[in-house]
Every structure is written in C-alpha cells, then in structure tokens.
Amino acid sequence: MGVRRLMDGQRRRICIDFDGVLAEYDGTWKGEHHHGKPLPGAKKFLEKLAAADIEFVVLTTRESRRHVLSWFEKYRLPLPGEVTN
C-alpha cells in the first residue's frame, strides 16, 4: 500500500502531550528535572508512528526541551520531530 502523504507531498504529523500521555504523571509537579517512566504502550505507539512515516511533535509546558529529548534517549524511544509548548 505504501506511505500516505499529504496532498502537497509532506509527511503527516501529529502532536502528543508529554506528561500523562507519554510519561507517567500523577498530577503533582516534582520539578523540571523529574520525568515519569514511559506509560505502558508508549514505545509501541511511537514505533508504529515511525513505521507509518508519521512525524510526531511533543507538546509540553516544560521549559527545557533538552530534558524532554534526553528522556526519549534514556528510554530508547523514537525521537520527536520537535518539542514545543
């Protein structure tokens, strides 16, 4: 079937929240440097996006985009195309 692209040939892209969607979050802020472990199914979901050539963007209110990227690297998860707020 092949990879589906947008009409202008661009990759499809989705936005995903970080805390509570990809990473565990109990509703209590523990600081900029505290990140929960990946939620069950997060790795498989991100791998399926990558296999389908769908880029994902991580939305977060966190100040440090670098710390969020480090979290993906630590858990050997596919990297987002962008981290933004």
Protein backbone atom coordinates (compact mmCIF):
# COMPACT_ATOMS: atom_id res chain seq x y z
CA MET A 1 0.00 0.00 0.00
CA GLY A 2 2.88 2.40 0.70
CA VAL A 3 3.15 5.51 2.83
CA ARG A 4 0.33 8.01 2.50
CA ARG A 5 1.39 11.60 2.19
CA LEU A 6 -0.49 14.84 2.32
CA MET A 7 -1.59 16.33 -0.98
CA ASP A 8 1.49 18.57 -1.10
CA GLY A 9 3.81 15.59 -0.51
CA GLN A 10 4.58 16.47 3.10
CA ARG A 11 4.74 13.89 5.87
CA ARG A 12 1.77 13.52 8.13
CA ARG A 13 2.32 14.99 11.61
CA ILE A 14 0.57 14.67 14.94
CA CYS A 15 1.04 16.45 18.27
CA ILE A 16 1.23 14.49 21.52
CA ASP A 17 1.26 15.81 25.07
CA PHE A 18 4.17 14.67 27.22
CA ASP A 19 3.18 14.36 30.89
CA GLY A 20 0.33 11.92 31.43
CA VAL A 21 0.22 10.81 27.80
CA LEU A 22 3.72 9.52 27.06
CA ALA A 23 5.27 9.79 30.52
CA GLU A 24 3.79 8.82 33.87
CA TYR A 25 2.41 11.83 35.74
CA ASP A 26 0.37 11.69 38.93
CA GLY A 27 -0.74 15.33 38.83
CA THR A 28 1.89 16.52 41.30
CA TRP A 29 4.65 18.72 39.87
CA LYS A 30 8.01 17.45 41.12
CA GLY A 31 10.24 19.85 39.23
CA GLU A 32 11.64 20.45 35.78
CA HIS A 33 14.13 17.59 36.04
CA HIS A 34 11.68 14.92 37.18
CA HIS A 35 10.16 12.81 34.43
CA GLY A 36 7.99 9.75 34.92
CA LYS A 37 8.71 6.49 33.17
CA PRO A 38 7.10 5.83 29.78
CA LEU A 39 3.47 4.81 30.09
CA PRO A 40 2.60 1.27 29.01
CA GLY A 41 2.18 1.20 25.25
CA ALA A 42 4.01 4.49 24.63
CA LYS A 43 7.05 2.89 22.98
CA LYS A 44 4.96 0.63 20.76
CA PHE A 45 2.74 3.55 19.73
CA LEU A 46 5.74 5.75 18.82
CA GLU A 47 7.33 2.89 16.89
CA LYS A 48 4.11 2.42 14.91
CA LEU A 49 4.11 6.12 14.05
CA ALA A 50 7.69 5.86 12.82
CA ALA A 51 6.89 2.76 10.76
CA ALA A 52 3.97 4.64 9.15
CA ASP A 53 6.25 7.63 8.43
CA ILE A 54 4.17 9.88 10.67
CA GLU A 55 6.19 12.58 12.38
CA PHE A 56 5.22 13.48 15.93
CA VAL A 57 5.63 16.69 17.85
CA VAL A 58 5.68 16.73 21.64
CA LEU A 59 3.71 19.45 23.39
CA THR A 60 4.71 20.34 26.94
CA THR A 61 4.64 23.23 29.35
CA ARG A 62 8.13 22.28 30.49
CA GLU A 63 10.79 24.94 29.95
CA SER A 64 13.65 22.62 28.99
CA ARG A 65 13.15 20.96 25.64
CA ARG A 66 16.59 19.36 26.03
CA HIS A 67 15.46 17.45 29.16
CA VAL A 68 12.44 16.13 27.30
CA LEU A 69 14.65 14.94 24.42
CA SER A 70 17.00 13.32 26.94
CA TRP A 71 14.03 11.36 28.31
CA PHE A 72 13.39 9.89 24.84
CA GLU A 73 17.07 8.97 24.52
CA LYS A 74 17.21 7.45 28.02
CA TYR A 75 14.34 5.08 27.23
CA ARG A 76 15.46 4.48 23.63
CA LEU A 77 12.25 5.81 22.17
CA PRO A 78 11.83 7.24 18.68
CA LEU A 79 12.71 10.93 18.77
CA PRO A 80 10.10 13.60 18.10
CA GLY A 81 10.47 15.94 15.17
CA GLU A 82 10.04 18.82 17.59
CA VAL A 83 9.40 19.60 21.25
CA THR A 84 7.37 22.75 21.78
CA ASN A 85 4.91 24.50 24.00
